[in-house]
Amino acid sequence: MAYDTIAGVDPNLLSLDVYPPSTAACDAPIVMWVHGGGYQIGDKRNQMLDKVALFNDAGWILVSANYRLTAPGAASSAQYPDHFHDVASAVAWVHVNIASYGGDPERIALLGHSAGADIVSNVATNPSYLQAVGLDLGSLRCAGPLDTEGFDKVAAGANDPDVERDQWQLALGNNLDYLTATSATMLVAADIGIPPMIGVVRGGPLRQRIETAFLGALADAGINSVTIDATSLTHNEVNSRIGAAGDDVMTPPLMQFLRGCFAGP
């Protein structure tokens, strides 16, 4: 399903998939998923099977969105703020169209992993992206940026060599201030509508400090934040364990958070 059209851009990169439950009730909550891949690879269909079953069984609609990718040397290569703009545009499409699938546009949770987590954290903390498509941060009921050092790219840059740092430079470096302008911890502020968030803490000491600091900044600003202890998982497992049989690290706290997020009118 196309959520936007841009001349010269592969239509698949501006599309999303909608997975409604077979017994969808009216006004079903929506979980939106943003894939990872270092801003350069990945697709909305990746690792969806367990997520579809998990969220559909809860009676929720799952929407998985693509976005323009960075392809160094290509004329159509995405750069700042293309990735953030595209995800905001996908949210806007859902807000306008999801009722026709039985969804409640007032109950949207935006989740993402890796580069998708970095994108989600920006869209959910910087009002400009949703404002550009006629929405505000309150259009998101909650968000879940799952496993990225991108919350503080300045601190992450001290981790040399750092693969993520190089990916950010390629994707976002056309903004000379990208280290601060796209670091969500530095964007957190009270009373601007930032929704409740859930995140993970895992990886090496620096990554754990960056992730903990982001969640702490939310709490300091009076924004509800929930931490998943994912120190037993690899980066990929943070994604692949969601909805997987026998998972007791990612799925239970994520589902508890989302149920609380969707509760009420």
C-alpha atoms as a PDB file:
ATOM      1  CA  MET A   1       0.000   0.000   0.000  1.00  0.00           C
ATOM      2  CA  ALA A   2       1.534   3.330  -1.064  1.00  0.00           C
ATOM      3  CA  TYR A   3       1.615   6.003   1.637  1.00  0.00           C
ATOM      4  CA  ASP A   4       3.445   8.552  -0.525  1.00  0.00           C
ATOM      5  CA  THR A   5       4.710   9.075  -4.082  1.00  0.00           C
ATOM      6  CA  ILE A   6       7.970  10.835  -4.925  1.00  0.00           C
ATOM      7  CA  ALA A   7       9.312  11.128  -8.458  1.00  0.00           C
ATOM      8  CA  GLY A   8      12.299   8.875  -9.079  1.00  0.00           C
ATOM      9  CA  VAL A   9      11.811   6.831  -5.900  1.00  0.00           C
ATOM     10  CA  ASP A  10      10.996   3.099  -6.011  1.00  0.00           C
ATOM     11  CA  PRO A  11       7.314   2.884  -4.956  1.00  0.00           C
ATOM     12  CA  ASN A  12       8.115  -0.060  -2.682  1.00  0.00           C
ATOM     13  CA  LEU A  13      10.253   2.216  -0.508  1.00  0.00           C
ATOM     14  CA  LEU A  14       7.213   4.409   0.133  1.00  0.00           C
ATOM     15  CA  SER A  15       4.806   1.606   0.954  1.00  0.00           C
ATOM     16  CA  LEU A  16       3.470  -0.242   3.957  1.00  0.00           C
ATOM     17  CA  ASP A  17       1.768  -3.543   4.707  1.00  0.00           C
ATOM     18  CA  VAL A  18      -1.370  -3.773   6.831  1.00  0.00           C
ATOM     19  CA  TYR A  19      -2.012  -6.959   8.818  1.00  0.00           C
ATOM     20  CA  PRO A  20      -5.479  -6.843  10.403  1.00  0.00           C
ATOM     21  CA  PRO A  21      -6.560  -9.685  12.695  1.00  0.00           C
ATOM     22  CA  SER A  22      -9.043 -12.099  11.127  1.00  0.00           C
ATOM     23  CA  THR A  23     -11.640 -11.112  13.717  1.00  0.00           C
ATOM     24  CA  ALA A  24     -10.837  -7.405  13.828  1.00  0.00           C
ATOM     25  CA  ALA A  25     -13.243  -5.421  15.939  1.00  0.00           C
ATOM     26  CA  CYS A  26     -13.944  -1.781  15.256  1.00  0.00           C
ATOM     27  CA  ASP A  27     -11.450   0.645  16.726  1.00  0.00           C
ATOM     28  CA  ALA A  28      -8.618  -1.875  17.048  1.00  0.00           C
ATOM     29  CA  PRO A  29      -5.262  -0.486  18.266  1.00  0.00           C
ATOM     30  CA  ILE A  30      -2.418  -0.237  15.750  1.00  0.00           C
ATOM     31  CA  VAL A  31       1.193  -1.310  16.174  1.00  0.00           C
ATOM     32  CA  MET A  32       3.440   0.258  13.532  1.00  0.00           C
ATOM     33  CA  TRP A  33       6.813  -1.365  12.907  1.00  0.00           C
ATOM     34  CA  VAL A  34       9.906   0.292  11.383  1.00  0.00           C
ATOM     35  CA  HIS A  35      12.619  -2.117  10.241  1.00  0.00           C
ATOM     36  CA  GLY A  36      16.353  -1.772  10.795  1.00  0.00           C
ATOM     37  CA  GLY A  37      19.274  -2.216   8.448  1.00  0.00           C
ATOM     38  CA  GLY A  38      21.744   0.589   9.047  1.00  0.00           C
ATOM     39  CA  TYR A  39      19.656   3.043   7.008  1.00  0.00           C
ATOM     40  CA  GLN A  40      20.885   1.197   3.884  1.00  0.00           C
ATOM     41  CA  ILE A  41      19.114  -2.179   3.729  1.00  0.00           C
ATOM     42  CA  GLY A  42      16.050  -3.943   5.107  1.00  0.00           C
ATOM     43  CA  ASP A  43      12.412  -4.301   4.201  1.00  0.00           C
ATOM     44  CA  LYS A  44       8.989  -4.122   5.855  1.00  0.00           C
ATOM     45  CA  ARG A  45       8.517  -7.880   5.330  1.00  0.00           C
ATOM     46  CA  ASN A  46      11.568  -8.915   7.361  1.00  0.00           C
ATOM     47  CA  GLN A  47      10.905 -10.989  10.515  1.00  0.00           C
ATOM     48  CA  MET A  48       7.170 -10.317  10.462  1.00  0.00           C
ATOM     49  CA  LEU A  49       5.681 -13.779  10.982  1.00  0.00           C
ATOM     50  CA  ASP A  50       5.901 -13.911  14.785  1.00  0.00           C
ATOM     51  CA  LYS A  51       4.931 -10.256  15.125  1.00  0.00           C
ATOM     52  CA  VAL A  52       1.823 -10.689  12.986  1.00  0.00           C
ATOM     53  CA  ALA A  53       0.686 -13.649  15.089  1.00  0.00           C
ATOM     54  CA  LEU A  54       1.490 -11.895  18.373  1.00  0.00           C
ATOM     55  CA  PHE A  55      -0.258  -8.627  17.683  1.00  0.00           C
ATOM     56  CA  ASN A  56      -3.165 -10.082  15.709  1.00  0.00           C
ATOM     57  CA  ASP A  57      -3.869 -12.560  18.512  1.00  0.00           C
ATOM     58  CA  ALA A  58      -4.182  -9.562  20.823  1.00  0.00           C
ATOM     59  CA  GLY A  59      -6.781  -8.109  18.450  1.00  0.00           C
ATOM     60  CA  TRP A  60      -4.442  -5.408  17.170  1.00  0.00           C
ATOM     61  CA  ILE A  61      -3.603  -4.323  13.638  1.00  0.00           C
ATOM     62  CA  LEU A  62       0.071  -4.515  12.637  1.00  0.00           C
ATOM     63  CA  VAL A  63       1.412  -2.067  10.064  1.00  0.00           C
ATOM     64  CA  SER A  64       4.959  -2.494   8.772  1.00  0.00           C
ATOM     65  CA  ALA A  65       6.421   0.453   6.858  1.00  0.00           C
ATOM     66  CA  ASN A  66       9.277   0.907   4.431  1.00  0.00           C
ATOM     67  CA  TYR A  67      11.222   4.144   3.975  1.00  0.00           C
ATOM     68  CA  ARG A  68      13.793   5.480   1.537  1.00  0.00           C
ATOM     69  CA  LEU A  69      17.215   3.885   1.961  1.00  0.00           C
ATOM     70  CA  THR A  70      20.666   5.391   1.759  1.00  0.00           C
ATOM     71  CA  ALA A  71      22.590   4.073  -1.245  1.00  0.00           C
ATOM     72  CA  PRO A  72      25.901   5.920  -1.478  1.00  0.00           C
ATOM     73  CA  GLY A  73      26.526   7.166  -5.015  1.00  0.00           C
ATOM     74  CA  ALA A  74      22.940   6.751  -6.186  1.00  0.00           C
ATOM     75  CA  ALA A  75      21.055   9.849  -7.290  1.00  0.00           C
ATOM     76  CA  SER A  76      17.986   8.785  -5.304  1.00  0.00           C
ATOM     77  CA  SER A  77      19.957   7.954  -2.137  1.00  0.00           C
ATOM     78  CA  ALA A  78      18.091   9.016   0.986  1.00  0.00           C
ATOM     79  CA  GLN A  79      19.679  11.625   3.206  1.00  0.00           C
ATOM     80  CA  TYR A  80      18.566  13.660   6.207  1.00  0.00           C
ATOM     81  CA  PRO A  81      15.652  14.157   6.818  1.00  0.00           C
ATOM     82  CA  ASP A  82      14.226  11.685   4.258  1.00  0.00           C
ATOM     83  CA  HIS A  83      14.047   8.643   6.554  1.00  0.00           C
ATOM     84  CA  PHE A  84      12.300  10.558   9.331  1.00  0.00           C
ATOM     85  CA  HIS A  85       9.962  12.301   6.902  1.00  0.00           C
ATOM     86  CA  ASP A  86       8.938   8.990   5.323  1.00  0.00           C
ATOM     87  CA  VAL A  87       8.050   7.340   8.617  1.00  0.00           C
ATOM     88  CA  ALA A  88       6.085  10.424   9.662  1.00  0.00           C
ATOM     89  CA  SER A  89       4.251  10.234   6.320  1.00  0.00           C
ATOM     90  CA  ALA A  90       3.454   6.570   6.985  1.00  0.00           C
ATOM     91  CA  VAL A  91       2.021   7.530  10.381  1.00  0.00           C
ATOM     92  CA  ALA A  92      -0.097  10.176   8.657  1.00  0.00           C
ATOM     93  CA  TRP A  93      -1.402   7.610   6.150  1.00  0.00           C
ATOM     94  CA  VAL A  94      -2.353   5.290   8.998  1.00  0.00           C
ATOM     95  CA  HIS A  95      -4.021   8.131  10.876  1.00  0.00           C
ATOM     96  CA  VAL A  96      -6.201   8.955   7.866  1.00  0.00           C
ATOM     97  CA  ASN A  97      -6.862   5.483   6.446  1.00  0.00           C
ATOM     98  CA  ILE A  98      -6.697   2.853   9.181  1.00  0.00           C
ATOM     99  CA  ALA A  99     -10.360   3.176  10.160  1.00  0.00           C
ATOM    100  CA  SER A 100     -11.261   1.438   6.887  1.00  0.00           C
ATOM    101  CA  TYR A 101      -9.363  -1.613   8.210  1.00  0.00           C
ATOM    102  CA  GLY A 102     -11.138  -1.487  11.567  1.00  0.00           C
ATOM    103  CA  GLY A 103      -8.403   0.476  13.321  1.00  0.00           C
ATOM    104  CA  ASP A 104      -8.506   3.320  15.804  1.00  0.00           C
ATOM    105  CA  PRO A 105      -6.312   6.196  14.539  1.00  0.00           C
ATOM    106  CA  GLU A 106      -6.094   7.563  18.078  1.00  0.00           C
ATOM    107  CA  ARG A 107      -4.274   4.456  19.319  1.00  0.00           C
ATOM    108  CA  ILE A 108      -1.049   4.149  17.334  1.00  0.00           C
ATOM    109  CA  ALA A 109       2.114   2.661  18.843  1.00  0.00           C
ATOM    110  CA  LEU A 110       5.274   3.290  16.798  1.00  0.00           C
ATOM    111  CA  LEU A 111       7.996   0.673  17.276  1.00  0.00           C
ATOM    112  CA  GLY A 112      11.313   0.101  15.536  1.00  0.00           C
ATOM    113  CA  HIS A 113      14.578  -1.800  15.792  1.00  0.00           C
ATOM    114  CA  SER A 114      18.171  -0.661  15.175  1.00  0.00           C
ATOM    115  CA  ALA A 115      18.132   2.075  12.503  1.00  0.00           C
ATOM    116  CA  GLY A 116      14.361   1.826  12.780  1.00  0.00           C
ATOM    117  CA  ALA A 117      14.720   2.565  16.492  1.00  0.00           C
ATOM    118  CA  ASP A 118      16.802   5.639  15.704  1.00  0.00           C
ATOM    119  CA  ILE A 119      14.127   6.824  13.268  1.00  0.00           C
ATOM    120  CA  VAL A 120      11.314   6.133  15.745  1.00  0.00           C
ATOM    121  CA  SER A 121      13.117   8.000  18.524  1.00  0.00           C
ATOM    122  CA  ASN A 122      13.454  11.064  16.300  1.00  0.00           C
ATOM    123  CA  VAL A 123       9.873  11.019  15.027  1.00  0.00           C
ATOM    124  CA  ALA A 124       8.598  10.596  18.600  1.00  0.00           C
ATOM    125  CA  THR A 125      10.704  13.378  20.183  1.00  0.00           C
ATOM    126  CA  ASN A 126      11.127  16.010  17.453  1.00  0.00           C
ATOM    127  CA  PRO A 127       7.714  17.560  16.716  1.00  0.00           C
ATOM    128  CA  SER A 128       8.765  18.900  13.306  1.00  0.00           C
ATOM    129  CA  TYR A 129       8.427  15.602  11.427  1.00  0.00           C
ATOM    130  CA  LEU A 130       4.815  14.917  12.359  1.00  0.00           C
ATOM    131  CA  GLN A 131       3.950  18.600  12.128  1.00  0.00           C
ATOM    132  CA  ALA A 132       5.099  18.537   8.499  1.00  0.00           C
ATOM    133  CA  VAL A 133       2.327  16.005   7.741  1.00  0.00           C
ATOM    134  CA  GLY A 134      -0.353  17.765   9.758  1.00  0.00           C
ATOM    135  CA  LEU A 135       0.006  15.827  13.023  1.00  0.00           C
ATOM    136  CA  ASP A 136       1.688  16.329  16.381  1.00  0.00           C
ATOM    137  CA  LEU A 137       3.498  14.119  18.874  1.00  0.00           C
ATOM    138  CA  GLY A 138       0.163  13.402  20.536  1.00  0.00           C
ATOM    139  CA  SER A 139      -0.810  11.476  17.401  1.00  0.00           C
ATOM    140  CA  LEU A 140       1.316   8.652  18.825  1.00  0.00           C
ATOM    141  CA  ARG A 141      -0.150   6.906  21.862  1.00  0.00           C
ATOM    142  CA  CYS A 142       3.265   5.427  22.690  1.00  0.00           C
ATOM    143  CA  ALA A 143       6.563   4.466  21.066  1.00  0.00           C
ATOM    144  CA  GLY A 144       9.282   1.838  21.326  1.00  0.00           C
ATOM    145  CA  PRO A 145      12.745   2.551  19.917  1.00  0.00           C
ATOM    146  CA  LEU A 146      14.434  -0.808  20.501  1.00  0.00           C
ATOM    147  CA  ASP A 147      18.236  -0.965  20.660  1.00  0.00           C
ATOM    148  CA  THR A 148      20.300   1.841  19.164  1.00  0.00           C
ATOM    149  CA  GLU A 149      23.250   3.969  20.229  1.00  0.00           C
ATOM    150  CA  GLY A 150      21.728   6.737  18.130  1.00  0.00           C
ATOM    151  CA  PHE A 151      20.049   8.267  21.166  1.00  0.00           C
ATOM    152  CA  ASP A 152      23.368  10.047  21.771  1.00  0.00           C
ATOM    153  CA  LYS A 153      25.502  10.089  18.637  1.00  0.00           C
ATOM    154  CA  VAL A 154      28.081  12.340  20.255  1.00  0.00           C
ATOM    155  CA  ALA A 155      28.793   9.790  22.972  1.00  0.00           C
ATOM    156  CA  ALA A 156      28.594   6.910  20.506  1.00  0.00           C
ATOM    157  CA  GLY A 157      31.225   8.577  18.368  1.00  0.00           C
ATOM    158  CA  ALA A 158      33.727   7.927  21.133  1.00  0.00           C
ATOM    159  CA  ASN A 159      33.396   4.216  20.359  1.00  0.00           C
ATOM    160  CA  ASP A 160      36.055   4.053  17.651  1.00  0.00           C
ATOM    161  CA  PRO A 161      35.763   2.247  15.285  1.00  0.00           C
ATOM    162  CA  ASP A 162      31.962   2.296  15.338  1.00  0.00           C
ATOM    163  CA  VAL A 163      29.905   0.811  12.522  1.00  0.00           C
ATOM    164  CA  GLU A 164      26.755   2.689  13.493  1.00  0.00           C
ATOM    165  CA  ARG A 165      28.634   6.000  13.500  1.00  0.00           C
ATOM    166  CA  ASP A 166      29.730   5.390   9.893  1.00  0.00           C
ATOM    167  CA  GLN A 167      26.155   4.528   8.897  1.00  0.00           C
ATOM    168  CA  TRP A 168      24.856   7.741  10.446  1.00  0.00           C
ATOM    169  CA  GLN A 169      27.479   9.776   8.615  1.00  0.00           C
ATOM    170  CA  LEU A 170      26.402   8.327   5.259  1.00  0.00           C
ATOM    171  CA  ALA A 171      22.679   8.680   5.925  1.00  0.00           C
ATOM    172  CA  LEU A 172      22.515  11.904   7.910  1.00  0.00           C
ATOM    173  CA  GLY A 173      25.828  13.669   7.364  1.00  0.00           C
ATOM    174  CA  ASN A 174      24.409  16.194   4.901  1.00  0.00           C
ATOM    175  CA  ASN A 175      23.166  17.883   8.087  1.00  0.00           C
ATOM    176  CA  LEU A 176      26.388  19.211   9.560  1.00  0.00           C
ATOM    177  CA  ASP A 177      24.778  19.153  13.019  1.00  0.00           C
ATOM    178  CA  TYR A 178      23.414  15.612  12.742  1.00  0.00           C
ATOM    179  CA  LEU A 179      25.298  14.385  15.809  1.00  0.00           C
ATOM    180  CA  THR A 180      23.124  16.569  18.002  1.00  0.00           C
ATOM    181  CA  ALA A 181      20.129  17.268  15.739  1.00  0.00           C
ATOM    182  CA  THR A 182      19.258  13.560  15.469  1.00  0.00           C
ATOM    183  CA  SER A 183      20.214  12.439  18.990  1.00  0.00           C
ATOM    184  CA  ALA A 184      16.900  11.839  20.748  1.00  0.00           C
ATOM    185  CA  THR A 185      18.297  12.205  24.274  1.00  0.00           C
ATOM    186  CA  MET A 186      19.141  15.806  23.383  1.00  0.00           C
ATOM    187  CA  LEU A 187      15.655  16.383  21.962  1.00  0.00           C
ATOM    188  CA  VAL A 188      13.699  15.243  25.011  1.00  0.00           C
ATOM    189  CA  ALA A 189      11.784  18.068  26.645  1.00  0.00           C
ATOM    190  CA  ALA A 190       8.841  18.255  28.998  1.00  0.00           C
ATOM    191  CA  ASP A 191       5.391  19.330  27.891  1.00  0.00           C
ATOM    192  CA  ILE A 192       5.852  19.016  24.122  1.00  0.00           C
ATOM    193  CA  GLY A 193       3.703  15.898  23.784  1.00  0.00           C
ATOM    194  CA  ILE A 194       6.360  13.164  23.742  1.00  0.00           C
ATOM    195  CA  PRO A 195       4.494   9.868  24.265  1.00  0.00           C
ATOM    196  CA  PRO A 196       5.343   7.122  26.780  1.00  0.00           C
ATOM    197  CA  MET A 197       8.175   4.907  25.572  1.00  0.00           C
ATOM    198  CA  ILE A 198       9.663   1.485  26.067  1.00  0.00           C
ATOM    199  CA  GLY A 199      13.276   0.650  25.331  1.00  0.00           C
ATOM    200  CA  VAL A 200      15.922  -1.981  25.917  1.00  0.00           C
ATOM    201  CA  VAL A 201      19.294  -1.905  27.620  1.00  0.00           C
ATOM    202  CA  ARG A 202      21.905  -4.322  26.294  1.00  0.00           C
ATOM    203  CA  GLY A 203      25.310  -4.596  24.655  1.00  0.00           C
ATOM    204  CA  GLY A 204      28.618  -3.199  25.866  1.00  0.00           C
ATOM    205  CA  PRO A 205      29.073  -0.635  28.633  1.00  0.00           C
ATOM    206  CA  LEU A 206      28.858   2.408  26.340  1.00  0.00           C
ATOM    207  CA  ARG A 207      25.702   1.213  24.616  1.00  0.00           C
ATOM    208  CA  GLN A 208      24.080   0.450  27.955  1.00  0.00           C
ATOM    209  CA  ARG A 209      24.960   3.916  29.262  1.00  0.00           C
ATOM    210  CA  ILE A 210      23.504   5.571  26.152  1.00  0.00           C
ATOM    211  CA  GLU A 211      20.269   3.580  26.289  1.00  0.00           C
ATOM    212  CA  THR A 212      19.891   4.064  30.035  1.00  0.00           C
ATOM    213  CA  ALA A 213      20.493   7.793  29.690  1.00  0.00           C
ATOM    214  CA  PHE A 214      17.776   8.152  27.053  1.00  0.00           C
ATOM    215  CA  LEU A 215      15.183   6.388  29.171  1.00  0.00           C
ATOM    216  CA  GLY A 216      16.332   8.409  32.167  1.00  0.00           C
ATOM    217  CA  ALA A 217      15.968  11.675  30.242  1.00  0.00           C
ATOM    218  CA  LEU A 218      12.372  10.734  29.461  1.00  0.00           C
ATOM    219  CA  ALA A 219      11.669  10.008  33.119  1.00  0.00           C
ATOM    220  CA  ASP A 220      13.311  13.276  34.188  1.00  0.00           C
ATOM    221  CA  ALA A 221      10.993  15.114  31.785  1.00  0.00           C
ATOM    222  CA  GLY A 222       7.958  13.455  33.360  1.00  0.00           C
ATOM    223  CA  ILE A 223       7.423  11.036  30.469  1.00  0.00           C
ATOM    224  CA  ASN A 224       6.599   7.445  31.339  1.00  0.00           C
ATOM    225  CA  SER A 225       9.445   5.151  30.292  1.00  0.00           C
ATOM    226  CA  VAL A 226       9.805   1.391  30.649  1.00  0.00           C
ATOM    227  CA  THR A 227      13.111  -0.480  30.439  1.00  0.00           C
ATOM    228  CA  ILE A 228      13.524  -4.044  29.190  1.00  0.00           C
ATOM    229  CA  ASP A 229      16.634  -5.753  30.506  1.00  0.00           C
ATOM    230  CA  ALA A 230      17.896  -7.335  27.288  1.00  0.00           C
ATOM    231  CA  THR A 231      21.483  -7.838  28.417  1.00  0.00           C
ATOM    232  CA  SER A 232      21.128 -11.559  27.681  1.00  0.00           C
ATOM    233  CA  LEU A 233      20.270 -10.920  24.024  1.00  0.00           C
ATOM    234  CA  THR A 234      22.175 -10.041  20.883  1.00  0.00           C
ATOM    235  CA  HIS A 235      21.206  -7.022  18.819  1.00  0.00           C
ATOM    236  CA  ASN A 236      19.353  -9.221  16.329  1.00  0.00           C
ATOM    237  CA  GLU A 237      17.584 -11.167  19.071  1.00  0.00           C
ATOM    238  CA  VAL A 238      15.977  -7.975  20.386  1.00  0.00           C
ATOM    239  CA  ASN A 239      14.005  -8.080  17.130  1.00  0.00           C
ATOM    240  CA  SER A 240      13.717 -11.800  16.421  1.00  0.00           C
ATOM    241  CA  ARG A 241      12.535 -12.760  19.916  1.00  0.00           C
ATOM    242  CA  ILE A 242       9.427 -10.549  19.775  1.00  0.00           C
ATOM    243  CA  GLY A 243       6.549 -13.020  19.621  1.00  0.00           C
ATOM    244  CA  ALA A 244       8.840 -16.054  19.317  1.00  0.00           C
ATOM    245  CA  ALA A 245       7.785 -19.231  21.088  1.00  0.00           C
ATOM    246  CA  GLY A 246       9.199 -19.413  24.604  1.00  0.00           C
ATOM    247  CA  ASP A 247      10.533 -15.858  24.681  1.00  0.00           C
ATOM    248  CA  ASP A 248      10.493 -14.457  28.195  1.00  0.00           C
ATOM    249  CA  VAL A 249      12.688 -11.385  27.686  1.00  0.00           C
ATOM    250  CA  MET A 250      11.119  -9.191  25.000  1.00  0.00           C
ATOM    251  CA  THR A 251       7.536 -10.323  24.543  1.00  0.00           C
ATOM    252  CA  PRO A 252       6.026 -10.173  28.062  1.00  0.00           C
ATOM    253  CA  PRO A 253       7.197  -6.646  28.992  1.00  0.00           C
ATOM    254  CA  LEU A 254       6.463  -5.310  25.510  1.00  0.00           C
ATOM    255  CA  MET A 255       2.923  -6.684  25.555  1.00  0.00           C
ATOM    256  CA  GLN A 256       2.327  -5.386  29.079  1.00  0.00           C
ATOM    257  CA  PHE A 257       3.499  -1.939  27.998  1.00  0.00           C
ATOM    258  CA  LEU A 258       1.338  -1.945  24.873  1.00  0.00           C
ATOM    259  CA  ARG A 259      -1.750  -3.077  26.747  1.00  0.00           C
ATOM    260  CA  GLY A 260      -1.284  -0.157  29.113  1.00  0.00           C
ATOM    261  CA  CYS A 261      -0.627   2.147  26.181  1.00  0.00           C
ATOM    262  CA  PHE A 262      -3.863   1.132  24.446  1.00  0.00           C
ATOM    263  CA  ALA A 263      -6.031   1.098  27.559  1.00  0.00           C
ATOM    264  CA  GLY A 264      -8.828   3.594  27.752  1.00  0.00           C
ATOM    265  CA  PRO A 265     -10.601   5.550  25.043  1.00  0.00           C
END
